[in-house]
PDB file of all heavy atoms in Angstrom:
ATOM      1  N   VAL A   1      82.456-144.924 146.324  1.00  0.00           N
ATOM      2  CA  VAL A   1      82.005-146.208 145.762  1.00  0.00           C
ATOM      3  C   VAL A   1      81.689-146.047 144.282  1.00  0.00           C
ATOM      4  O   VAL A   1      81.056-145.074 143.871  1.00  0.00           O
ATOM      5  CB  VAL A   1      80.752-146.733 146.497  1.00  0.00           C
ATOM      6  CG1 VAL A   1      80.261-148.030 145.848  1.00  0.00           C
ATOM      7  CG2 VAL A   1      81.056-146.971 147.980  1.00  0.00           C
ATOM      8  N   VAL A   2      82.174-146.990 143.494  1.00  0.00           N
ATOM      9  CA  VAL A   2      81.782-147.086 142.079  1.00  0.00           C
ATOM     10  C   VAL A   2      81.083-148.423 141.912  1.00  0.00           C
ATOM     11  O   VAL A   2      81.642-149.494 142.191  1.00  0.00           O
ATOM     12  CB  VAL A   2      83.018-147.017 141.145  1.00  0.00           C
ATOM     13  CG1 VAL A   2      82.609-147.291 139.707  1.00  0.00           C
ATOM     14  CG2 VAL A   2      83.683-145.654 141.262  1.00  0.00           C
ATOM     15  N   ARG A   3      79.830-148.390 141.464  1.00  0.00           N
ATOM     16  CA  ARG A   3      79.057-149.607 141.261  1.00  0.00           C
ATOM     17  C   ARG A   3      79.312-150.116 139.832  1.00  0.00           C
ATOM     18  O   ARG A   3      79.047-149.398 138.866  1.00  0.00           O
ATOM     19  CB  ARG A   3      77.565-149.337 141.453  1.00  0.00           C
ATOM     20  CG  ARG A   3      77.168-149.051 142.906  1.00  0.00           C
ATOM     21  CD  ARG A   3      75.758-148.516 142.986  1.00  0.00           C
ATOM     22  NE  ARG A   3      75.248-148.479 144.345  1.00  0.00           N
ATOM     23  CZ  ARG A   3      75.517-147.512 145.224  1.00  0.00           C
ATOM     24  NH1 ARG A   3      76.291-146.491 144.845  1.00  0.00           N
ATOM     25  NH2 ARG A   3      75.013-147.559 146.451  1.00  0.00           N
ATOM     26  N   GLY A   4      79.799-151.352 139.753  1.00  0.00           N
ATOM     27  CA  GLY A   4      80.043-151.895 138.424  1.00  0.00           C
ATOM     28  C   GLY A   4      80.920-153.132 138.469  1.00  0.00           C
ATOM     29  O   GLY A   4      81.353-153.579 139.541  1.00  0.00           O
ATOM     30  N   ASP A   5      81.149-153.701 137.296  1.00  0.00           N
ATOM     31  CA  ASP A   5      81.922-154.938 137.131  1.00  0.00           C
ATOM     32  C   ASP A   5      83.408-154.597 137.048  1.00  0.00           C
ATOM     33  O   ASP A   5      83.843-153.877 136.138  1.00  0.00           O
ATOM     34  CB  ASP A   5      81.454-155.620 135.845  1.00  0.00           C
ATOM     35  CG  ASP A   5      82.123-156.962 135.608  1.00  0.00           C
ATOM     36  OD1 ASP A   5      83.102-157.285 136.305  1.00  0.00           O
ATOM     37  OD2 ASP A   5      81.680-157.682 134.695  1.00  0.00           O
ATOM     38  N   SER A   6      84.198-155.166 137.953  1.00  0.00           N
ATOM     39  CA  SER A   6      85.619-154.834 138.012  1.00  0.00           C
ATOM     40  C   SER A   6      86.426-155.359 136.835  1.00  0.00           C
ATOM     41  O   SER A   6      87.591-154.996 136.674  1.00  0.00           O
ATOM     42  CB  SER A   6      86.236-155.387 139.309  1.00  0.00           C
ATOM     43  OG  SER A   6      85.651-154.803 140.437  1.00  0.00           O
ATOM     44  N   THR A   7      85.838-156.219 136.006  1.00  0.00           N
ATOM     45  CA  THR A   7      86.550-156.672 134.813  1.00  0.00           C
ATOM     46  C   THR A   7      86.376-155.710 133.649  1.00  0.00           C
ATOM     47  O   THR A   7      86.968-155.930 132.594  1.00  0.00           O
ATOM     48  CB  THR A   7      86.056-158.071 134.387  1.00  0.00           C
ATOM     49  OG1 THR A   7      84.676-158.006 133.998  1.00  0.00           O
ATOM     50  CG2 THR A   7      86.227-159.091 135.509  1.00  0.00           C
ATOM     51  N   ARG A   8      85.584-154.670 133.829  1.00  0.00           N
ATOM     52  CA  ARG A   8      85.333-153.697 132.753  1.00  0.00           C
ATOM     53  C   ARG A   8      86.262-152.508 132.909  1.00  0.00           C
ATOM     54  O   ARG A   8      86.282-151.852 133.964  1.00  0.00           O
ATOM     55  CB  ARG A   8      83.884-153.230 132.794  1.00  0.00           C
ATOM     56  CG  ARG A   8      82.855-154.358 132.711  1.00  0.00           C
ATOM     57  CD  ARG A   8      82.919-155.056 131.383  1.00  0.00           C
ATOM     58  NE  ARG A   8      81.876-156.075 131.242  1.00  0.00           N
ATOM     59  CZ  ARG A   8      81.753-156.881 130.189  1.00  0.00           C
ATOM     60  NH1 ARG A   8      82.608-156.781 129.195  1.00  0.00           N
ATOM     61  NH2 ARG A   8      80.794-157.785 130.155  1.00  0.00           N
ATOM     62  N   ALA A   9      86.988-152.207 131.849  1.00  0.00           N
ATOM     63  CA  ALA A   9      87.971-151.132 131.907  1.00  0.00           C
ATOM     64  C   ALA A   9      87.317-149.802 132.245  1.00  0.00           C
ATOM     65  O   ALA A   9      87.862-149.020 133.038  1.00  0.00           O
ATOM     66  CB  ALA A   9      88.727-151.039 130.580  1.00  0.00           C
ATOM     67  N   HIS A  10      86.161-149.512 131.665  1.00  0.00           N
ATOM     68  CA  HIS A  10      85.543-148.219 131.907  1.00  0.00           C
ATOM     69  C   HIS A  10      85.108-148.058 133.355  1.00  0.00           C
ATOM     70  O   HIS A  10      85.093-146.931 133.888  1.00  0.00           O
ATOM     71  CB  HIS A  10      84.358-147.989 130.946  1.00  0.00           C
ATOM     72  CG  HIS A  10      83.147-148.808 131.270  1.00  0.00           C
ATOM     73  ND1 HIS A  10      82.973-150.103 130.823  1.00  0.00           N
ATOM     74  CD2 HIS A  10      82.036-148.526 132.013  1.00  0.00           C
ATOM     75  CE1 HIS A  10      81.820-150.580 131.253  1.00  0.00           C
ATOM     76  NE2 HIS A  10      81.228-149.641 131.989  1.00  0.00           N
ATOM     77  N   VAL A  11      84.760-149.175 134.011  1.00  0.00           N
ATOM     78  CA  VAL A  11      84.400-149.103 135.431  1.00  0.00           C
ATOM     79  C   VAL A  11      85.623-148.739 136.274  1.00  0.00           C
ATOM     80  O   VAL A  11      85.564-147.877 137.148  1.00  0.00           O
ATOM     81  CB  VAL A  11      83.778-150.437 135.898  1.00  0.00           C
ATOM     82  CG1 VAL A  11      83.563-150.429 137.411  1.00  0.00           C
ATOM     83  CG2 VAL A  11      82.462-150.684 135.186  1.00  0.00           C
ATOM     84  N   LEU A  12      86.737-149.397 135.991  1.00  0.00           N
ATOM     85  CA  LEU A  12      87.959-149.097 136.732  1.00  0.00           C
ATOM     86  C   LEU A  12      88.459-147.699 136.422  1.00  0.00           C
ATOM     87  O   LEU A  12      89.017-147.030 137.310  1.00  0.00           O
ATOM     88  CB  LEU A  12      89.035-150.139 136.398  1.00  0.00           C
ATOM     89  CG  LEU A  12      88.728-151.576 136.822  1.00  0.00           C
ATOM     90  CD1 LEU A  12      89.861-152.514 136.414  1.00  0.00           C
ATOM     91  CD2 LEU A  12      88.477-151.667 138.324  1.00  0.00           C
ATOM     92  N   GLU A  13      88.296-147.255 135.214  1.00  0.00           N
ATOM     93  CA  GLU A  13      88.693-145.883 134.865  1.00  0.00           C
ATOM     94  C   GLU A  13      87.850-144.877 135.652  1.00  0.00           C
ATOM     95  O   GLU A  13      88.357-143.858 136.136  1.00  0.00           O
ATOM     96  CB  GLU A  13      88.555-145.648 133.368  1.00  0.00           C
ATOM     97  CG  GLU A  13      89.617-146.368 132.538  1.00  0.00           C
ATOM     98  CD  GLU A  13      89.355-146.305 131.060  1.00  0.00           C
ATOM     99  OE1 GLU A  13      88.182-146.062 130.679  1.00  0.00           O
ATOM    100  OE2 GLU A  13      90.299-146.507 130.277  1.00  0.00           O
ATOM    101  N   THR A  14      86.553-145.156 135.807  1.00  0.00           N
ATOM    102  CA  THR A  14      85.683-144.289 136.591  1.00  0.00           C
ATOM    103  C   THR A  14      86.145-144.238 138.042  1.00  0.00           C
ATOM    104  O   THR A  14      86.057-143.192 138.699  1.00  0.00           O
ATOM    105  CB  THR A  14      84.226-144.789 136.532  1.00  0.00           C
ATOM    106  OG1 THR A  14      83.784-144.797 135.169  1.00  0.00           O
ATOM    107  CG2 THR A  14      83.300-143.905 137.350  1.00  0.00           C
ATOM    108  N   ALA A  15      86.669-145.354 138.518  1.00  0.00           N
ATOM    109  CA  ALA A  15      87.156-145.408 139.910  1.00  0.00           C
ATOM    110  C   ALA A  15      88.519-144.731 140.064  1.00  0.00           C
ATOM    111  O   ALA A  15      89.008-144.599 141.195  1.00  0.00           O
ATOM    112  CB  ALA A  15      87.261-146.866 140.351  1.00  0.00           C
ATOM    113  N   GLY A  16      89.121-144.310 138.953  1.00  0.00           N
ATOM    114  CA  GLY A  16      90.412-143.639 139.033  1.00  0.00           C
ATOM    115  C   GLY A  16      91.592-144.563 139.170  1.00  0.00           C
ATOM    116  O   GLY A  16      92.615-144.201 139.749  1.00  0.00           O
ATOM    117  N   VAL A  17      91.470-145.773 138.615  1.00  0.00           N
ATOM    118  CA  VAL A  17      92.541-146.765 138.801  1.00  0.00           C
ATOM    119  C   VAL A  17      93.870-146.303 138.212  1.00  0.00           C
ATOM    120  O   VAL A  17      94.936-146.695 138.684  1.00  0.00           O
ATOM    121  CB  VAL A  17      92.120-148.132 138.207  1.00  0.00           C
ATOM    122  CG1 VAL A  17      92.117-148.079 136.689  1.00  0.00           C
ATOM    123  CG2 VAL A  17      93.010-149.249 138.715  1.00  0.00           C
ATOM    124  N   SER A  18      93.833-145.452 137.202  1.00  0.00           N
ATOM    125  CA  SER A  18      95.083-144.997 136.581  1.00  0.00           C
ATOM    126  C   SER A  18      95.921-144.176 137.546  1.00  0.00           C
ATOM    127  O   SER A  18      97.129-143.995 137.329  1.00  0.00           O
ATOM    128  CB  SER A  18      94.789-144.195 135.316  1.00  0.00           C
ATOM    129  OG  SER A  18      94.043-143.025 135.635  1.00  0.00           O
ATOM    130  N   ARG A  19      95.300-143.654 138.615  1.00  0.00           N
ATOM    131  CA  ARG A  19      96.026-142.862 139.605  1.00  0.00           C
ATOM    132  C   ARG A  19      96.341-143.660 140.875  1.00  0.00           C
ATOM    133  O   ARG A  19      96.917-143.140 141.824  1.00  0.00           O
ATOM    134  CB  ARG A  19      95.208-141.625 139.999  1.00  0.00           C
ATOM    135  CG  ARG A  19      94.845-140.723 138.824  1.00  0.00           C
ATOM    136  CD  ARG A  19      94.169-139.439 139.308  1.00  0.00           C
ATOM    137  NE  ARG A  19      92.982-139.704 140.103  1.00  0.00           N
ATOM    138  CZ  ARG A  19      91.772-139.931 139.589  1.00  0.00           C
ATOM    139  NH1 ARG A  19      91.624-139.922 138.264  1.00  0.00           N
ATOM    140  NH2 ARG A  19      90.730-140.140 140.354  1.00  0.00           N
ATOM    141  N   ALA A  20      95.938-144.913 140.895  1.00  0.00           N
ATOM    142  CA  ALA A  20      96.061-145.706 142.121  1.00  0.00           C
ATOM    143  C   ALA A  20      97.510-146.068 142.426  1.00  0.00           C
ATOM    144  O   ALA A  20      98.314-146.331 141.536  1.00  0.00           O
ATOM    145  CB  ALA A  20      95.243-147.006 142.000  1.00  0.00           C
ATOM    146  N   LEU A  21      97.818-146.062 143.710  1.00  0.00           N
ATOM    147  CA  LEU A  21      99.119-146.557 144.159  1.00  0.00           C
ATOM    148  C   LEU A  21      99.091-148.060 144.326  1.00  0.00           C
ATOM    149  O   LEU A  21     100.053-148.764 144.034  1.00  0.00           O
ATOM    150  CB  LEU A  21      99.508-145.894 145.499  1.00  0.00           C
ATOM    151  CG  LEU A  21      99.679-144.371 145.467  1.00  0.00           C
ATOM    152  CD1 LEU A  21      99.987-143.869 146.876  1.00  0.00           C
ATOM    153  CD2 LEU A  21     100.777-143.984 144.501  1.00  0.00           C
ATOM    154  N   VAL A  22      97.979-148.592 144.841  1.00  0.00           N
ATOM    155  CA  VAL A  22      97.804-150.024 145.043  1.00  0.00           C
ATOM    156  C   VAL A  22      96.368-150.400 144.692  1.00  0.00           C
ATOM    157  O   VAL A  22      95.432-149.650 145.016  1.00  0.00           O
ATOM    158  CB  VAL A  22      98.079-150.431 146.518  1.00  0.00           C
ATOM    159  CG1 VAL A  22      97.824-151.925 146.719  1.00  0.00           C
ATOM    160  CG2 VAL A  22      99.500-150.091 146.920  1.00  0.00           C
ATOM    161  N   VAL A  23      96.203-151.523 144.003  1.00  0.00           N
ATOM    162  CA  VAL A  23      94.888-152.061 143.715  1.00  0.00           C
ATOM    163  C   VAL A  23      94.769-153.412 144.431  1.00  0.00           C
ATOM    164  O   VAL A  23      95.667-154.261 144.323  1.00  0.00           O
ATOM    165  CB  VAL A  23      94.666-152.265 142.199  1.00  0.00           C
ATOM    166  CG1 VAL A  23      93.314-152.925 141.937  1.00  0.00           C
ATOM    167  CG2 VAL A  23      94.747-150.913 141.482  1.00  0.00           C
ATOM    168  N   VAL A  24      93.666-153.607 145.177  1.00  0.00           N
ATOM    169  CA  VAL A  24      93.439-154.821 145.930  1.00  0.00           C
ATOM    170  C   VAL A  24      92.278-155.585 145.333  1.00  0.00           C
ATOM    171  O   VAL A  24      91.204-155.020 145.121  1.00  0.00           O
ATOM    172  CB  VAL A  24      93.148-154.512 147.423  1.00  0.00           C
ATOM    173  CG1 VAL A  24      92.977-155.813 148.211  1.00  0.00           C
ATOM    174  CG2 VAL A  24      94.247-153.647 148.031  1.00  0.00           C
ATOM    175  N   ILE A  25      92.491-156.864 145.038  1.00  0.00           N
ATOM    176  CA  ILE A  25      91.463-157.715 144.453  1.00  0.00           C
ATOM    177  C   ILE A  25      91.124-158.811 145.441  1.00  0.00           C
ATOM    178  O   ILE A  25      92.006-159.562 145.874  1.00  0.00           O
ATOM    179  CB  ILE A  25      91.933-158.335 143.119  1.00  0.00           C
ATOM    180  CG1 ILE A  25      92.307-157.224 142.133  1.00  0.00           C
ATOM    181  CG2 ILE A  25      90.853-159.246 142.531  1.00  0.00           C
ATOM    182  CD1 ILE A  25      92.969-157.753 140.861  1.00  0.00           C
ATOM    183  N   GLY A  26      89.850-158.908 145.803  1.00  0.00           N
ATOM    184  CA  GLY A  26      89.435-159.893 146.814  1.00  0.00           C
ATOM    185  C   GLY A  26      88.418-160.885 146.302  1.00  0.00           C
ATOM    186  O   GLY A  26      87.666-161.454 147.078  1.00  0.00           O
ATOM    187  N   ASP A  27      88.393-161.133 144.981  1.00  0.00           N
ATOM    188  CA  ASP A  27      87.412-162.061 144.431  1.00  0.00           C
ATOM    189  C   ASP A  27      87.751-163.499 144.844  1.00  0.00           C
ATOM    190  O   ASP A  27      88.915-163.907 144.844  1.00  0.00           O
ATOM    191  CB  ASP A  27      87.384-161.949 142.906  1.00  0.00           C
ATOM    192  CG  ASP A  27      86.112-162.540 142.312  1.00  0.00           C
ATOM    193  OD1 ASP A  27      86.023-163.776 142.218  1.00  0.00           O
ATOM    194  OD2 ASP A  27      85.217-161.757 141.970  1.00  0.00           O
ATOM    195  N   ASP A  28      86.716-164.292 145.160  1.00  0.00           N
ATOM    196  CA  ASP A  28      86.938-165.665 145.632  1.00  0.00           C
ATOM    197  C   ASP A  28      87.420-166.615 144.531  1.00  0.00           C
ATOM    198  O   ASP A  28      88.031-167.630 144.809  1.00  0.00           O
ATOM    199  CB  ASP A  28      85.645-166.225 146.246  1.00  0.00           C
ATOM    200  CG  ASP A  28      85.301-165.558 147.555  1.00  0.00           C
ATOM    201  OD1 ASP A  28      86.212-165.018 148.205  1.00  0.00           O
ATOM    202  OD2 ASP A  28      84.112-165.551 147.926  1.00  0.00           O
ATOM    203  N   GLU A  29      87.086-166.287 143.275  1.00  0.00           N
ATOM    204  CA  GLU A  29      87.447-167.175 142.165  1.00  0.00           C
ATOM    205  C   GLU A  29      88.770-166.710 141.555  1.00  0.00           C
ATOM    206  O   GLU A  29      88.871-165.603 141.055  1.00  0.00           O
ATOM    207  CB  GLU A  29      86.371-167.145 141.091  1.00  0.00           C
ATOM    208  CG  GLU A  29      85.030-167.715 141.541  1.00  0.00           C
ATOM    209  CD  GLU A  29      85.154-169.217 141.863  1.00  0.00           C
ATOM    210  OE1 GLU A  29      85.978-169.881 141.214  1.00  0.00           O
ATOM    211  OE2 GLU A  29      84.439-169.679 142.767  1.00  0.00           O
ATOM    212  N   PRO A  30      89.810-167.575 141.553  1.00  0.00           N
ATOM    213  CA  PRO A  30      91.106-167.180 140.987  1.00  0.00           C
ATOM    214  C   PRO A  30      91.026-166.742 139.542  1.00  0.00           C
ATOM    215  O   PRO A  30      91.719-165.798 139.129  1.00  0.00           O
ATOM    216  CB  PRO A  30      91.945-168.469 141.128  1.00  0.00           C
ATOM    217  CG  PRO A  30      91.313-169.217 142.236  1.00  0.00           C
ATOM    218  CD  PRO A  30      89.850-168.933 142.142  1.00  0.00           C
TER     219      PRO A  30
END
């Protein structure tokens, strides 16, 4: 788990998004 705002690049970088095969977004607001 990474606690943080998903719109922030540094948060996603901490989560290792650059190595991700798939990213899933489930926010209710388009």
